Amino acid sequence: MANSDDMNLLETGATDLSGCDFASADLSKRQLAGRDFSGANLSNANAEGADFSGCISSGASLHGMSADQFFRGHFDWVHVDQHHFF
């Protein structure tokens, strides 16, 4: 379950979300462009239709997220180094 403090940080529009816990969060259709998700836990999050354009996500955990979510989202120019999908 996502950390409530981290979800509140997301809601404020903060750009540095590195190390935050968004496990199983509903991020669908959110505008998340340009944010830093380095080392964040996005395991089992619903990101369908979310805009991750220009995000930094080095070392983020994406375990349990389906490839289908990525094809329906916007991931232009995302830095995708060292992801953990499985």
C-alpha atoms as a PDB file:
ATOM      1  CA  MET A   1       0.000   0.000   0.000  1.00  0.00           C
ATOM      2  CA  ALA A   2       1.284   3.448  -0.912  1.00  0.00           C
ATOM      3  CA  ASN A   3       2.656   5.645   1.845  1.00  0.00           C
ATOM      4  CA  SER A   4       0.107   8.364   2.682  1.00  0.00           C
ATOM      5  CA  ASP A   5       2.807  11.018   3.236  1.00  0.00           C
ATOM      6  CA  ASP A   6       4.283  10.204  -0.171  1.00  0.00           C
ATOM      7  CA  MET A   7       0.840  10.394  -1.802  1.00  0.00           C
ATOM      8  CA  ASN A   8       0.335  13.818  -0.206  1.00  0.00           C
ATOM      9  CA  LEU A   9       3.716  14.902  -1.590  1.00  0.00           C
ATOM     10  CA  LEU A  10       2.607  13.740  -5.035  1.00  0.00           C
ATOM     11  CA  GLU A  11      -0.636  15.726  -4.717  1.00  0.00           C
ATOM     12  CA  THR A  12       1.258  18.950  -3.908  1.00  0.00           C
ATOM     13  CA  GLY A  13       2.989  18.761  -7.292  1.00  0.00           C
ATOM     14  CA  ALA A  14       6.444  18.124  -5.834  1.00  0.00           C
ATOM     15  CA  THR A  15       8.971  17.186  -8.496  1.00  0.00           C
ATOM     16  CA  ASP A  16      11.417  15.248  -6.275  1.00  0.00           C
ATOM     17  CA  LEU A  17       9.664  11.979  -5.483  1.00  0.00           C
ATOM     18  CA  SER A  18      12.866   9.961  -5.249  1.00  0.00           C
ATOM     19  CA  GLY A  19      12.642   7.065  -2.823  1.00  0.00           C
ATOM     20  CA  CYS A  20       8.890   7.494  -2.312  1.00  0.00           C
ATOM     21  CA  ASP A  21       6.583   4.514  -1.841  1.00  0.00           C
ATOM     22  CA  PHE A  22       3.732   4.400  -4.357  1.00  0.00           C
ATOM     23  CA  ALA A  23       3.186   0.632  -4.189  1.00  0.00           C
ATOM     24  CA  SER A  24      -0.329  -0.269  -5.384  1.00  0.00           C
ATOM     25  CA  ALA A  25      -1.210   3.429  -5.812  1.00  0.00           C
ATOM     26  CA  ASP A  26      -3.700   4.599  -8.411  1.00  0.00           C
ATOM     27  CA  LEU A  27      -1.622   6.869 -10.636  1.00  0.00           C
ATOM     28  CA  SER A  28      -3.864   6.418 -13.663  1.00  0.00           C
ATOM     29  CA  LYS A  29      -4.310   9.397 -15.965  1.00  0.00           C
ATOM     30  CA  ARG A  30      -2.136  11.637 -13.774  1.00  0.00           C
ATOM     31  CA  GLN A  31       0.146  14.326 -15.159  1.00  0.00           C
ATOM     32  CA  LEU A  32       3.531  13.299 -13.748  1.00  0.00           C
ATOM     33  CA  ALA A  33       5.779  14.757 -16.443  1.00  0.00           C
ATOM     34  CA  GLY A  34       9.237  15.891 -15.410  1.00  0.00           C
ATOM     35  CA  ARG A  35       9.211  14.367 -11.920  1.00  0.00           C
ATOM     36  CA  ASP A  36      12.041  12.415 -10.326  1.00  0.00           C
ATOM     37  CA  PHE A  37      10.999   8.877  -9.323  1.00  0.00           C
ATOM     38  CA  SER A  38      14.578   7.633  -8.776  1.00  0.00           C
ATOM     39  CA  GLY A  39      14.536   4.691  -6.387  1.00  0.00           C
ATOM     40  CA  ALA A  40      10.776   5.003  -5.902  1.00  0.00           C
ATOM     41  CA  ASN A  41       8.605   1.961  -5.297  1.00  0.00           C
ATOM     42  CA  LEU A  42       5.922   1.828  -8.001  1.00  0.00           C
ATOM     43  CA  SER A  43       5.267  -1.899  -7.555  1.00  0.00           C
ATOM     44  CA  ASN A  44       1.767  -2.904  -8.611  1.00  0.00           C
ATOM     45  CA  ALA A  45       0.793   0.735  -9.188  1.00  0.00           C
ATOM     46  CA  ASN A  46      -1.911   1.467 -11.740  1.00  0.00           C
ATOM     47  CA  ALA A  47      -0.247   3.898 -14.162  1.00  0.00           C
ATOM     48  CA  GLU A  48      -2.562   3.412 -17.120  1.00  0.00           C
ATOM     49  CA  GLY A  49      -2.770   6.616 -19.134  1.00  0.00           C
ATOM     50  CA  ALA A  50      -0.382   8.514 -16.834  1.00  0.00           C
ATOM     51  CA  ASP A  51       2.028  11.026 -18.360  1.00  0.00           C
ATOM     52  CA  PHE A  52       5.604  10.202 -17.321  1.00  0.00           C
ATOM     53  CA  SER A  53       7.228  12.287 -20.088  1.00  0.00           C
ATOM     54  CA  GLY A  54      10.684  13.493 -19.138  1.00  0.00           C
ATOM     55  CA  CYS A  55      10.712  11.668 -15.811  1.00  0.00           C
ATOM     56  CA  ILE A  56      13.812  10.316 -14.141  1.00  0.00           C
ATOM     57  CA  SER A  57      13.221   6.856 -12.787  1.00  0.00           C
ATOM     58  CA  SER A  58      16.630   5.246 -12.262  1.00  0.00           C
ATOM     59  CA  GLY A  59      16.407   2.301  -9.915  1.00  0.00           C
ATOM     60  CA  ALA A  60      12.647   2.531  -9.529  1.00  0.00           C
ATOM     61  CA  SER A  61      10.821  -0.682  -8.696  1.00  0.00           C
ATOM     62  CA  LEU A  62       8.116  -1.374 -11.276  1.00  0.00           C
ATOM     63  CA  HIS A  63       7.355  -4.933 -10.185  1.00  0.00           C
ATOM     64  CA  GLY A  64       3.849  -6.019 -11.101  1.00  0.00           C
ATOM     65  CA  MET A  65       3.181  -3.179 -13.525  1.00  0.00           C
ATOM     66  CA  SER A  66       1.959  -4.474 -16.850  1.00  0.00           C
ATOM     67  CA  ALA A  67       3.513  -3.574 -20.179  1.00  0.00           C
ATOM     68  CA  ASP A  68      -0.012  -2.636 -21.269  1.00  0.00           C
ATOM     69  CA  GLN A  69       0.051   0.285 -18.827  1.00  0.00           C
ATOM     70  CA  PHE A  70       3.198   1.585 -20.455  1.00  0.00           C
ATOM     71  CA  PHE A  71       1.744   1.413 -23.943  1.00  0.00           C
ATOM     72  CA  ARG A  72      -1.303   3.375 -22.784  1.00  0.00           C
ATOM     73  CA  GLY A  73       0.787   5.910 -20.871  1.00  0.00           C
ATOM     74  CA  HIS A  74       3.159   8.580 -22.094  1.00  0.00           C
ATOM     75  CA  PHE A  75       6.808   7.782 -21.476  1.00  0.00           C
ATOM     76  CA  ASP A  76       8.666  10.028 -23.947  1.00  0.00           C
ATOM     77  CA  TRP A  77      12.234  10.767 -22.859  1.00  0.00           C
ATOM     78  CA  VAL A  78      11.997   8.776 -19.632  1.00  0.00           C
ATOM     79  CA  HIS A  79      15.365   7.837 -18.178  1.00  0.00           C
ATOM     80  CA  VAL A  80      14.916   4.080 -17.691  1.00  0.00           C
ATOM     81  CA  ASP A  81      18.208   2.925 -16.191  1.00  0.00           C
ATOM     82  CA  GLN A  82      18.202   0.021 -13.701  1.00  0.00           C
ATOM     83  CA  HIS A  83      14.483  -0.722 -13.403  1.00  0.00           C
ATOM     84  CA  HIS A  84      13.177  -3.692 -11.476  1.00  0.00           C
ATOM     85  CA  PHE A  85      10.126  -5.072 -13.283  1.00  0.00           C
ATOM     86  CA  PHE A  86      10.072  -8.557 -11.796  1.00  0.00           C
END
